[in-house]
Amino acid sequence: MNLVSVASPSISPATLLTTVLGILGFCAFLAWIMWRAFRQVEREERDASYLRRRLMRWAYFYSASALIVIVLVVTGKEPKESLIGLPIAALLIWTFWRSARNVKVPPE
């Protein structure tokens, strides 16, 4: 056991400045993402057709992902265990389609 304290290496000012600026930049990026999400939710509340398009886009995204995984398993490029998430994807696809169908879009 060593009872003598060893001096820790000092941090250079450039490293400290880079760390602080990196954290500030990352926080600004997260704030921008939250601001965009807030504006998006507000637009979805105002515009029903925008909400329907977004829900259908998510359904298409999950459908394409599920189809790609199925094709890769059938061709043998991926193992059968890759299909374990397919029921969850199917549930999400069904939920998004049902939600998009239930959105009432007023006639123009």
PDB file of N, CA and C in Angstrom:
ATOM      1  N   MET A   1       0.844  -1.163   0.000  1.00  0.00           N
ATOM      2  CA  MET A   1       0.000   0.000   0.000  1.00  0.00           C
ATOM      3  C   MET A   1       0.892   1.228   0.000  1.00  0.00           C
ATOM      4  N   ASN A   2       0.568   2.160  -0.860  1.00  0.00           N
ATOM      5  CA  ASN A   2       1.372   3.356  -1.025  1.00  0.00           C
ATOM      6  C   ASN A   2       0.710   4.509  -0.284  1.00  0.00           C
ATOM      7  N   LEU A   3       1.386   5.085   0.680  1.00  0.00           N
ATOM      8  CA  LEU A   3       0.831   6.185   1.457  1.00  0.00           C
ATOM      9  C   LEU A   3       1.251   7.549   0.931  1.00  0.00           C
ATOM     10  N   VAL A   4       2.087   7.562  -0.070  1.00  0.00           N
ATOM     11  CA  VAL A   4       2.549   8.824  -0.643  1.00  0.00           C
ATOM     12  C   VAL A   4       1.599   9.206  -1.765  1.00  0.00           C
ATOM     13  N   SER A   5       1.099  10.425  -1.723  1.00  0.00           N
ATOM     14  CA  SER A   5       0.175  10.862  -2.770  1.00  0.00           C
ATOM     15  C   SER A   5       0.957  11.200  -4.032  1.00  0.00           C
ATOM     16  N   VAL A   6       0.400  10.784  -5.134  1.00  0.00           N
ATOM     17  CA  VAL A   6       1.022  11.037  -6.426  1.00  0.00           C
ATOM     18  C   VAL A   6       0.287  12.207  -7.063  1.00  0.00           C
ATOM     19  N   ALA A   7       1.047  13.149  -7.584  1.00  0.00           N
ATOM     20  CA  ALA A   7       0.438  14.317  -8.221  1.00  0.00           C
ATOM     21  C   ALA A   7      -0.271  13.895  -9.497  1.00  0.00           C
ATOM     22  N   SER A   8      -1.520  14.317  -9.639  1.00  0.00           N
ATOM     23  CA  SER A   8      -2.260  13.986 -10.851  1.00  0.00           C
ATOM     24  C   SER A   8      -1.834  14.935 -11.968  1.00  0.00           C
ATOM     25  N   PRO A   9      -1.847  14.455 -13.167  1.00  0.00           N
ATOM     26  CA  PRO A   9      -1.435  15.327 -14.276  1.00  0.00           C
ATOM     27  C   PRO A   9      -2.450  16.453 -14.456  1.00  0.00           C
ATOM     28  N   SER A  10      -1.957  17.622 -14.748  1.00  0.00           N
ATOM     29  CA  SER A  10      -2.856  18.757 -14.917  1.00  0.00           C
ATOM     30  C   SER A  10      -3.493  18.702 -16.300  1.00  0.00           C
ATOM     31  N   ILE A  11      -4.684  19.242 -16.389  1.00  0.00           N
ATOM     32  CA  ILE A  11      -5.421  19.250 -17.644  1.00  0.00           C
ATOM     33  C   ILE A  11      -5.025  20.508 -18.400  1.00  0.00           C
ATOM     34  N   SER A  12      -4.736  20.331 -19.668  1.00  0.00           N
ATOM     35  CA  SER A  12      -4.329  21.486 -20.466  1.00  0.00           C
ATOM     36  C   SER A  12      -5.539  22.372 -20.739  1.00  0.00           C
ATOM     37  N   PRO A  13      -5.329  23.660 -20.896  1.00  0.00           N
ATOM     38  CA  PRO A  13      -6.451  24.570 -21.182  1.00  0.00           C
ATOM     39  C   PRO A  13      -7.165  24.233 -22.495  1.00  0.00           C
ATOM     40  N   ALA A  14      -6.434  23.738 -23.473  1.00  0.00           N
ATOM     41  CA  ALA A  14      -7.068  23.382 -24.748  1.00  0.00           C
ATOM     42  C   ALA A  14      -8.040  22.221 -24.566  1.00  0.00           C
ATOM     43  N   THR A  15      -7.667  21.235 -23.762  1.00  0.00           N
ATOM     44  CA  THR A  15      -8.553  20.104 -23.500  1.00  0.00           C
ATOM     45  C   THR A  15      -9.798  20.554 -22.753  1.00  0.00           C
ATOM     46  N   LEU A  16      -9.608  21.403 -21.775  1.00  0.00           N
ATOM     47  CA  LEU A  16     -10.738  21.921 -21.004  1.00  0.00           C
ATOM     48  C   LEU A  16     -11.676  22.731 -21.891  1.00  0.00           C
ATOM     49  N   LEU A  17     -11.117  23.591 -22.727  1.00  0.00           N
ATOM     50  CA  LEU A  17     -11.929  24.409 -23.618  1.00  0.00           C
ATOM     51  C   LEU A  17     -12.686  23.538 -24.624  1.00  0.00           C
ATOM     52  N   THR A  18     -12.011  22.534 -25.170  1.00  0.00           N
ATOM     53  CA  THR A  18     -12.660  21.635 -26.121  1.00  0.00           C
ATOM     54  C   THR A  18     -13.802  20.873 -25.459  1.00  0.00           C
ATOM     55  N   THR A  19     -13.603  20.429 -24.246  1.00  0.00           N
ATOM     56  CA  THR A  19     -14.647  19.695 -23.525  1.00  0.00           C
ATOM     57  C   THR A  19     -15.854  20.584 -23.258  1.00  0.00           C
ATOM     58  N   VAL A  20     -15.602  21.786 -22.771  1.00  0.00           N
ATOM     59  CA  VAL A  20     -16.712  22.709 -22.461  1.00  0.00           C
ATOM     60  C   VAL A  20     -17.459  23.082 -23.730  1.00  0.00           C
ATOM     61  N   LEU A  21     -16.744  23.393 -24.807  1.00  0.00           N
ATOM     62  CA  LEU A  21     -17.414  23.756 -26.058  1.00  0.00           C
ATOM     63  C   LEU A  21     -18.164  22.560 -26.654  1.00  0.00           C
ATOM     64  N   GLY A  22     -17.625  21.364 -26.514  1.00  0.00           N
ATOM     65  CA  GLY A  22     -18.324  20.179 -27.000  1.00  0.00           C
ATOM     66  C   GLY A  22     -19.626  19.940 -26.264  1.00  0.00           C
ATOM     67  N   ILE A  23     -19.591  20.101 -24.948  1.00  0.00           N
ATOM     68  CA  ILE A  23     -20.815  19.915 -24.150  1.00  0.00           C
ATOM     69  C   ILE A  23     -21.834  20.998 -24.468  1.00  0.00           C
ATOM     70  N   LEU A  24     -21.384  22.244 -24.608  1.00  0.00           N
ATOM     71  CA  LEU A  24     -22.304  23.326 -24.965  1.00  0.00           C
ATOM     72  C   LEU A  24     -22.911  23.104 -26.349  1.00  0.00           C
ATOM     73  N   GLY A  25     -22.104  22.651 -27.293  1.00  0.00           N
ATOM     74  CA  GLY A  25     -22.612  22.380 -28.634  1.00  0.00           C
ATOM     75  C   GLY A  25     -23.621  21.248 -28.632  1.00  0.00           C
ATOM     76  N   PHE A  26     -23.336  20.194 -27.859  1.00  0.00           N
ATOM     77  CA  PHE A  26     -24.270  19.072 -27.776  1.00  0.00           C
ATOM     78  C   PHE A  26     -25.573  19.502 -27.119  1.00  0.00           C
ATOM     79  N   CYS A  27     -25.505  20.323 -26.087  1.00  0.00           N
ATOM     80  CA  CYS A  27     -26.726  20.826 -25.437  1.00  0.00           C
ATOM     81  C   CYS A  27     -27.535  21.697 -26.396  1.00  0.00           C
ATOM     82  N   ALA A  28     -26.847  22.524 -27.193  1.00  0.00           N
ATOM     83  CA  ALA A  28     -27.545  23.343 -28.178  1.00  0.00           C
ATOM     84  C   ALA A  28     -28.220  22.463 -29.230  1.00  0.00           C
ATOM     85  N   PHE A  29     -27.543  21.392 -29.635  1.00  0.00           N
ATOM     86  CA  PHE A  29     -28.126  20.454 -30.599  1.00  0.00           C
ATOM     87  C   PHE A  29     -29.373  19.782 -30.029  1.00  0.00           C
ATOM     88  N   LEU A  30     -29.324  19.337 -28.786  1.00  0.00           N
ATOM     89  CA  LEU A  30     -30.491  18.729 -28.151  1.00  0.00           C
ATOM     90  C   LEU A  30     -31.641  19.725 -28.008  1.00  0.00           C
ATOM     91  N   ALA A  31     -31.313  20.982 -27.683  1.00  0.00           N
ATOM     92  CA  ALA A  31     -32.350  22.004 -27.578  1.00  0.00           C
ATOM     93  C   ALA A  31     -33.009  22.237 -28.936  1.00  0.00           C
ATOM     94  N   TRP A  32     -32.212  22.246 -30.000  1.00  0.00           N
ATOM     95  CA  TRP A  32     -32.767  22.426 -31.337  1.00  0.00           C
ATOM     96  C   TRP A  32     -33.688  21.271 -31.701  1.00  0.00           C
ATOM     97  N   ILE A  33     -33.292  20.042 -31.359  1.00  0.00           N
ATOM     98  CA  ILE A  33     -34.133  18.880 -31.635  1.00  0.00           C
ATOM     99  C   ILE A  33     -35.458  18.986 -30.877  1.00  0.00           C
ATOM    100  N   MET A  34     -35.409  19.383 -29.613  1.00  0.00           N
ATOM    101  CA  MET A  34     -36.637  19.517 -28.828  1.00  0.00           C
ATOM    102  C   MET A  34     -37.536  20.615 -29.381  1.00  0.00           C
ATOM    103  N   TRP A  35     -36.938  21.715 -29.834  1.00  0.00           N
ATOM    104  CA  TRP A  35     -37.716  22.803 -30.417  1.00  0.00           C
ATOM    105  C   TRP A  35     -38.417  22.340 -31.683  1.00  0.00           C
ATOM    106  N   ARG A  36     -37.704  21.573 -32.540  1.00  0.00           N
ATOM    107  CA  ARG A  36     -38.303  21.053 -33.753  1.00  0.00           C
ATOM    108  C   ARG A  36     -39.427  20.076 -33.431  1.00  0.00           C
ATOM    109  N   ALA A  37     -39.226  19.226 -32.428  1.00  0.00           N
ATOM    110  CA  ALA A  37     -40.270  18.272 -32.036  1.00  0.00           C
ATOM    111  C   ALA A  37     -41.504  19.007 -31.522  1.00  0.00           C
ATOM    112  N   PHE A  38     -41.295  20.072 -30.757  1.00  0.00           N
ATOM    113  CA  PHE A  38     -42.413  20.859 -30.241  1.00  0.00           C
ATOM    114  C   PHE A  38     -43.195  21.489 -31.387  1.00  0.00           C
ATOM    115  N   ARG A  39     -42.489  22.060 -32.363  1.00  0.00           N
ATOM    116  CA  ARG A  39     -43.164  22.672 -33.510  1.00  0.00           C
ATOM    117  C   ARG A  39     -43.920  21.628 -34.324  1.00  0.00           C
ATOM    118  N   GLN A  40     -43.352  20.431 -34.424  1.00  0.00           N
ATOM    119  CA  GLN A  40     -43.988  19.364 -35.177  1.00  0.00           C
ATOM    120  C   GLN A  40     -45.292  18.918 -34.506  1.00  0.00           C
ATOM    121  N   VAL A  41     -45.277  18.792 -33.199  1.00  0.00           N
ATOM    122  CA  VAL A  41     -46.482  18.400 -32.473  1.00  0.00           C
ATOM    123  C   VAL A  41     -47.556  19.472 -32.603  1.00  0.00           C
ATOM    124  N   GLU A  42     -47.150  20.729 -32.537  1.00  0.00           N
ATOM    125  CA  GLU A  42     -48.125  21.807 -32.717  1.00  0.00           C
ATOM    126  C   GLU A  42     -48.752  21.758 -34.097  1.00  0.00           C
ATOM    127  N   ARG A  43     -47.945  21.497 -35.123  1.00  0.00           N
ATOM    128  CA  ARG A  43     -48.488  21.422 -36.478  1.00  0.00           C
ATOM    129  C   ARG A  43     -49.420  20.225 -36.633  1.00  0.00           C
ATOM    130  N   GLU A  44     -49.079  19.102 -35.995  1.00  0.00           N
ATOM    131  CA  GLU A  44     -49.952  17.931 -36.061  1.00  0.00           C
ATOM    132  C   GLU A  44     -51.296  18.207 -35.407  1.00  0.00           C
ATOM    133  N   GLU A  45     -51.310  19.029 -34.353  1.00  0.00           N
ATOM    134  CA  GLU A  45     -52.574  19.367 -33.702  1.00  0.00           C
ATOM    135  C   GLU A  45     -53.432  20.268 -34.582  1.00  0.00           C
ATOM    136  N   ARG A  46     -52.791  21.128 -35.364  1.00  0.00           N
ATOM    137  CA  ARG A  46     -53.529  22.059 -36.221  1.00  0.00           C
ATOM    138  C   ARG A  46     -53.957  21.429 -37.542  1.00  0.00           C
ATOM    139  N   ASP A  47     -53.084  20.621 -38.140  1.00  0.00           N
ATOM    140  CA  ASP A  47     -53.293  20.120 -39.496  1.00  0.00           C
ATOM    141  C   ASP A  47     -53.481  18.601 -39.460  1.00  0.00           C
ATOM    142  N   ALA A  48     -54.711  18.158 -39.678  1.00  0.00           N
ATOM    143  CA  ALA A  48     -55.011  16.726 -39.602  1.00  0.00           C
ATOM    144  C   ALA A  48     -54.379  15.948 -40.748  1.00  0.00           C
ATOM    145  N   SER A  49     -54.293  16.559 -41.923  1.00  0.00           N
ATOM    146  CA  SER A  49     -53.691  15.834 -43.046  1.00  0.00           C
ATOM    147  C   SER A  49     -52.192  15.625 -42.825  1.00  0.00           C
ATOM    148  N   TYR A  50     -51.536  16.565 -42.159  1.00  0.00           N
ATOM    149  CA  TYR A  50     -50.116  16.404 -41.825  1.00  0.00           C
ATOM    150  C   TYR A  50     -49.934  15.239 -40.841  1.00  0.00           C
ATOM    151  N   LEU A  51     -50.802  15.162 -39.854  1.00  0.00           N
ATOM    152  CA  LEU A  51     -50.747  14.060 -38.892  1.00  0.00           C
ATOM    153  C   LEU A  51     -50.954  12.724 -39.598  1.00  0.00           C
ATOM    154  N   ARG A  52     -51.936  12.669 -40.496  1.00  0.00           N
ATOM    155  CA  ARG A  52     -52.193  11.427 -41.221  1.00  0.00           C
ATOM    156  C   ARG A  52     -50.996  11.023 -42.071  1.00  0.00           C
ATOM    157  N   ARG A  53     -50.379  11.995 -42.763  1.00  0.00           N
ATOM    158  CA  ARG A  53     -49.194  11.695 -43.567  1.00  0.00           C
ATOM    159  C   ARG A  53     -48.053  11.164 -42.716  1.00  0.00           C
ATOM    160  N   ARG A  54     -47.847  11.750 -41.544  1.00  0.00           N
ATOM    161  CA  ARG A  54     -46.758  11.289 -40.671  1.00  0.00           C
ATOM    162  C   ARG A  54     -47.013   9.870 -40.164  1.00  0.00           C
ATOM    163  N   LEU A  55     -48.250   9.585 -39.790  1.00  0.00           N
ATOM    164  CA  LEU A  55     -48.574   8.238 -39.323  1.00  0.00           C
ATOM    165  C   LEU A  55     -48.406   7.206 -40.439  1.00  0.00           C
ATOM    166  N   MET A  56     -48.827   7.562 -41.637  1.00  0.00           N
ATOM    167  CA  MET A  56     -48.663   6.647 -42.760  1.00  0.00           C
ATOM    168  C   MET A  56     -47.189   6.477 -43.114  1.00  0.00           C
ATOM    169  N   ARG A  57     -46.398   7.527 -42.979  1.00  0.00           N
ATOM    170  CA  ARG A  57     -44.964   7.434 -43.251  1.00  0.00           C
ATOM    171  C   ARG A  57     -44.293   6.462 -42.288  1.00  0.00           C
ATOM    172  N   TRP A  58     -44.679   6.517 -41.003  1.00  0.00           N
ATOM    173  CA  TRP A  58     -44.117   5.574 -40.032  1.00  0.00           C
ATOM    174  C   TRP A  58     -44.557   4.147 -40.348  1.00  0.00           C
ATOM    175  N   ALA A  59     -45.806   3.979 -40.775  1.00  0.00           N
ATOM    176  CA  ALA A  59     -46.277   2.641 -41.138  1.00  0.00           C
ATOM    177  C   ALA A  59     -45.490   2.113 -42.340  1.00  0.00           C
ATOM    178  N   TYR A  60     -45.249   2.963 -43.341  1.00  0.00           N
ATOM    179  CA  TYR A  60     -44.445   2.551 -44.497  1.00  0.00           C
ATOM    180  C   TYR A  60     -43.020   2.209 -44.083  1.00  0.00           C
ATOM    181  N   PHE A  61     -42.457   2.981 -43.184  1.00  0.00           N
ATOM    182  CA  PHE A  61     -41.087   2.728 -42.725  1.00  0.00           C
ATOM    183  C   PHE A  61     -40.984   1.349 -42.072  1.00  0.00           C
ATOM    184  N   TYR A  62     -41.898   1.050 -41.154  1.00  0.00           N
ATOM    185  CA  TYR A  62     -41.864  -0.249 -40.487  1.00  0.00           C
ATOM    186  C   TYR A  62     -42.193  -1.384 -41.456  1.00  0.00           C
ATOM    187  N   SER A  63     -43.074  -1.151 -42.408  1.00  0.00           N
ATOM    188  CA  SER A  63     -43.394  -2.176 -43.400  1.00  0.00           C
ATOM    189  C   SER A  63     -42.172  -2.496 -44.258  1.00  0.00           C
ATOM    190  N   ALA A  64     -41.479  -1.458 -44.714  1.00  0.00           N
ATOM    191  CA  ALA A  64     -40.285  -1.668 -45.537  1.00  0.00           C
ATOM    192  C   ALA A  64     -39.200  -2.391 -44.736  1.00  0.00           C
ATOM    193  N   SER A  65     -39.031  -2.003 -43.478  1.00  0.00           N
ATOM    194  CA  SER A  65     -38.025  -2.661 -42.636  1.00  0.00           C
ATOM    195  C   SER A  65     -38.361  -4.132 -42.436  1.00  0.00           C
ATOM    196  N   ALA A  66     -39.616  -4.425 -42.170  1.00  0.00           N
ATOM    197  CA  ALA A  66     -40.024  -5.823 -41.980  1.00  0.00           C
ATOM    198  C   ALA A  66     -39.841  -6.617 -43.270  1.00  0.00           C
ATOM    199  N   LEU A  67     -40.173  -6.025 -44.399  1.00  0.00           N
ATOM    200  CA  LEU A  67     -40.022  -6.701 -45.683  1.00  0.00           C
ATOM    201  C   LEU A  67     -38.549  -6.980 -45.987  1.00  0.00           C
ATOM    202  N   ILE A  68     -37.686  -6.027 -45.690  1.00  0.00           N
ATOM    203  CA  ILE A  68     -36.249  -6.226 -45.914  1.00  0.00           C
ATOM    204  C   ILE A  68     -35.723  -7.366 -45.055  1.00  0.00           C
ATOM    205  N   VAL A  69     -36.129  -7.404 -43.797  1.00  0.00           N
ATOM    206  CA  VAL A  69     -35.677  -8.487 -42.904  1.00  0.00           C
ATOM    207  C   VAL A  69     -36.188  -9.840 -43.401  1.00  0.00           C
ATOM    208  N   ILE A  70     -37.436  -9.901 -43.834  1.00  0.00           N
ATOM    209  CA  ILE A  70     -37.994 -11.161 -44.337  1.00  0.00           C
ATOM    210  C   ILE A  70     -37.231 -11.624 -45.580  1.00  0.00           C
ATOM    211  N   VAL A  71     -36.952 -10.703 -46.493  1.00  0.00           N
ATOM    212  CA  VAL A  71     -36.223 -11.061 -47.709  1.00  0.00           C
ATOM    213  C   VAL A  71     -34.814 -11.546 -47.370  1.00  0.00           C
ATOM    214  N   LEU A  72     -34.150 -10.891 -46.427  1.00  0.00           N
ATOM    215  CA  LEU A  72     -32.800 -11.302 -46.042  1.00  0.00           C
ATOM    216  C   LEU A  72     -32.799 -12.676 -45.378  1.00  0.00           C
ATOM    217  N   VAL A  73     -33.827 -12.988 -44.607  1.00  0.00           N
ATOM    218  CA  VAL A  73     -33.906 -14.314 -43.987  1.00  0.00           C
ATOM    219  C   VAL A  73     -34.199 -15.377 -45.041  1.00  0.00           C
ATOM    220  N   VAL A  74     -35.087 -15.082 -45.978  1.00  0.00           N
ATOM    221  CA  VAL A  74     -35.428 -16.048 -47.021  1.00  0.00           C
ATOM    222  C   VAL A  74     -34.215 -16.333 -47.908  1.00  0.00           C
ATOM    223  N   THR A  75     -33.431 -15.322 -48.231  1.00  0.00           N
ATOM    224  CA  THR A  75     -32.249 -15.524 -49.077  1.00  0.00           C
ATOM    225  C   THR A  75     -31.089 -16.155 -48.317  1.00  0.00           C
ATOM    226  N   GLY A  76     -31.175 -16.220 -47.000  1.00  0.00           N
ATOM    227  CA  GLY A  76     -30.141 -16.871 -46.208  1.00  0.00           C
ATOM    228  C   GLY A  76     -29.026 -15.948 -45.753  1.00  0.00           C
ATOM    229  N   LYS A  77     -29.175 -14.657 -45.950  1.00  0.00           N
ATOM    230  CA  LYS A  77     -28.137 -13.709 -45.529  1.00  0.00           C
ATOM    231  C   LYS A  77     -28.221 -13.358 -44.049  1.00  0.00           C
ATOM    232  N   GLU A  78     -29.360 -13.606 -43.456  1.00  0.00           N
ATOM    233  CA  GLU A  78     -29.566 -13.358 -42.026  1.00  0.00           C
ATOM    234  C   GLU A  78     -30.120 -14.630 -41.390  1.00  0.00           C
ATOM    235  N   PRO A  79     -29.832 -14.848 -40.099  1.00  0.00           N
ATOM    236  CA  PRO A  79     -30.366 -16.048 -39.436  1.00  0.00           C
ATOM    237  C   PRO A  79     -31.868 -15.908 -39.154  1.00  0.00           C
ATOM    238  N   LYS A  80     -32.501 -17.036 -38.890  1.00  0.00           N
ATOM    239  CA  LYS A  80     -33.943 -17.043 -38.605  1.00  0.00           C
ATOM    240  C   LYS A  80     -34.284 -16.252 -37.351  1.00  0.00           C
ATOM    241  N   GLU A  81     -33.331 -16.128 -36.448  1.00  0.00           N
ATOM    242  CA  GLU A  81     -33.574 -15.395 -35.200  1.00  0.00           C
ATOM    243  C   GLU A  81     -33.856 -13.907 -35.456  1.00  0.00           C
ATOM    244  N   SER A  82     -33.539 -13.428 -36.638  1.00  0.00           N
ATOM    245  CA  SER A  82     -33.804 -12.032 -36.973  1.00  0.00           C
ATOM    246  C   SER A  82     -35.295 -11.739 -37.024  1.00  0.00           C
ATOM    247  N   LEU A  83     -36.101 -12.781 -37.182  1.00  0.00           N
ATOM    248  CA  LEU A  83     -37.555 -12.599 -37.285  1.00  0.00           C
ATOM    249  C   LEU A  83     -38.232 -12.463 -35.928  1.00  0.00           C
ATOM    250  N   ILE A  84     -37.448 -12.481 -34.845  1.00  0.00           N
ATOM    251  CA  ILE A  84     -38.058 -12.436 -33.519  1.00  0.00           C
ATOM    252  C   ILE A  84     -38.765 -11.100 -33.253  1.00  0.00           C
ATOM    253  N   GLY A  85     -38.317 -10.036 -33.886  1.00  0.00           N
ATOM    254  CA  GLY A  85     -38.957  -8.736 -33.687  1.00  0.00           C
ATOM    255  C   GLY A  85     -40.103  -8.473 -34.641  1.00  0.00           C
ATOM    256  N   LEU A  86     -40.394  -9.401 -35.523  1.00  0.00           N
ATOM    257  CA  LEU A  86     -41.444  -9.202 -36.519  1.00  0.00           C
ATOM    258  C   LEU A  86     -42.832  -8.979 -35.919  1.00  0.00           C
ATOM    259  N   PRO A  87     -43.240  -9.694 -34.864  1.00  0.00           N
ATOM    260  CA  PRO A  87     -44.560  -9.402 -34.282  1.00  0.00           C
ATOM    261  C   PRO A  87     -44.670  -7.974 -33.734  1.00  0.00           C
ATOM    262  N   ILE A  88     -43.593  -7.461 -33.173  1.00  0.00           N
ATOM    263  CA  ILE A  88     -43.627  -6.089 -32.664  1.00  0.00           C
ATOM    264  C   ILE A  88     -43.754  -5.109 -33.825  1.00  0.00           C
ATOM    265  N   ALA A  89     -43.000  -5.357 -34.903  1.00  0.00           N
ATOM    266  CA  ALA A  89     -43.107  -4.494 -36.080  1.00  0.00           C
ATOM    267  C   ALA A  89     -44.519  -4.559 -36.664  1.00  0.00           C
ATOM    268  N   ALA A  90     -45.097  -5.752 -36.718  1.00  0.00           N
ATOM    269  CA  ALA A  90     -46.461  -5.893 -37.236  1.00  0.00           C
ATOM    270  C   ALA A  90     -47.465  -5.137 -36.373  1.00  0.00           C
ATOM    271  N   LEU A  91     -47.267  -5.182 -35.068  1.00  0.00           N
ATOM    272  CA  LEU A  91     -48.145  -4.436 -34.168  1.00  0.00           C
ATOM    273  C   LEU A  91     -48.006  -2.926 -34.388  1.00  0.00           C
ATOM    274  N   LEU A  92     -46.783  -2.446 -34.565  1.00  0.00           N
ATOM    275  CA  LEU A  92     -46.579  -1.018 -34.831  1.00  0.00           C
ATOM    276  C   LEU A  92     -47.188  -0.611 -36.168  1.00  0.00           C
ATOM    277  N   ILE A  93     -47.014  -1.440 -37.189  1.00  0.00           N
ATOM    278  CA  ILE A  93     -47.605  -1.140 -38.503  1.00  0.00           C
ATOM    279  C   ILE A  93     -49.116  -1.054 -38.387  1.00  0.00           C
ATOM    280  N   TRP A  94     -49.703  -2.024 -37.727  1.00  0.00           N
ATOM    281  CA  TRP A  94     -51.171  -2.028 -37.552  1.00  0.00           C
ATOM    282  C   TRP A  94     -51.641  -0.806 -36.768  1.00  0.00           C
ATOM    283  N   THR A  95     -50.912  -0.454 -35.712  1.00  0.00           N
ATOM    284  CA  THR A  95     -51.283   0.702 -34.890  1.00  0.00           C
ATOM    285  C   THR A  95     -51.195   1.998 -35.682  1.00  0.00           C
ATOM    286  N   PHE A  96     -50.125   2.169 -36.441  1.00  0.00           N
ATOM    287  CA  PHE A  96     -49.984   3.399 -37.228  1.00  0.00           C
ATOM    288  C   PHE A  96     -51.044   3.480 -38.320  1.00  0.00           C
ATOM    289  N   TRP A  97     -51.320   2.379 -38.996  1.00  0.00           N
ATOM    290  CA  TRP A  97     -52.349   2.399 -40.032  1.00  0.00           C
ATOM    291  C   TRP A  97     -53.725   2.684 -39.448  1.00  0.00           C
ATOM    292  N   ARG A  98     -54.031   2.050 -38.323  1.00  0.00           N
ATOM    293  CA  ARG A  98     -55.332   2.275 -37.693  1.00  0.00           C
ATOM    294  C   ARG A  98     -55.464   3.725 -37.236  1.00  0.00           C
ATOM    295  N   SER A  99     -54.392   4.268 -36.652  1.00  0.00           N
ATOM    296  CA  SER A  99     -54.429   5.666 -36.206  1.00  0.00           C
ATOM    297  C   SER A  99     -54.581   6.608 -37.388  1.00  0.00           C
ATOM    298  N   ALA A 100     -53.873   6.328 -38.479  1.00  0.00           N
ATOM    299  CA  ALA A 100     -53.978   7.184 -39.670  1.00  0.00           C
ATOM    300  C   ALA A 100     -55.376   7.110 -40.262  1.00  0.00           C
ATOM    301  N   ARG A 101     -55.972   5.934 -40.232  1.00  0.00           N
ATOM    302  CA  ARG A 101     -57.321   5.781 -40.769  1.00  0.00           C
ATOM    303  C   ARG A 101     -58.357   6.525 -39.924  1.00  0.00           C
ATOM    304  N   ASN A 102     -58.115   6.601 -38.616  1.00  0.00           N
ATOM    305  CA  ASN A 102     -59.074   7.239 -37.721  1.00  0.00           C
ATOM    306  C   ASN A 102     -58.953   8.750 -37.668  1.00  0.00           C
ATOM    307  N   VAL A 103     -57.919   9.324 -38.286  1.00  0.00           N
ATOM    308  CA  VAL A 103     -57.774  10.789 -38.287  1.00  0.00           C
ATOM    309  C   VAL A 103     -58.800  11.356 -39.263  1.00  0.00           C
ATOM    310  N   LYS A 104     -59.608  12.262 -38.777  1.00  0.00           N
ATOM    311  CA  LYS A 104     -60.635  12.889 -39.598  1.00  0.00           C
ATOM    312  C   LYS A 104     -60.046  14.111 -40.300  1.00  0.00           C
ATOM    313  N   VAL A 105     -59.934  14.028 -41.631  1.00  0.00           N
ATOM    314  CA  VAL A 105     -59.403  15.130 -42.407  1.00  0.00           C
ATOM    315  C   VAL A 105     -60.594  15.893 -42.994  1.00  0.00           C
ATOM    316  N   PRO A 106     -60.723  17.180 -42.676  1.00  0.00           N
ATOM    317  CA  PRO A 106     -61.848  17.946 -43.208  1.00  0.00           C
ATOM    318  C   PRO A 106     -61.676  18.171 -44.712  1.00  0.00           C
ATOM    319  N   PRO A 107     -62.780  18.212 -45.452  1.00  0.00           N
ATOM    320  CA  PRO A 107     -62.670  18.476 -46.899  1.00  0.00           C
ATOM    321  C   PRO A 107     -62.197  19.907 -47.139  1.00  0.00           C
ATOM    322  N   GLU A 108     -61.483  20.069 -48.243  1.00  0.00           N
ATOM    323  CA  GLU A 108     -60.945  21.407 -48.529  1.00  0.00           C
ATOM    324  C   GLU A 108     -61.952  22.274 -49.217  1.00  0.00           C
TER     325      GLU A 108
END
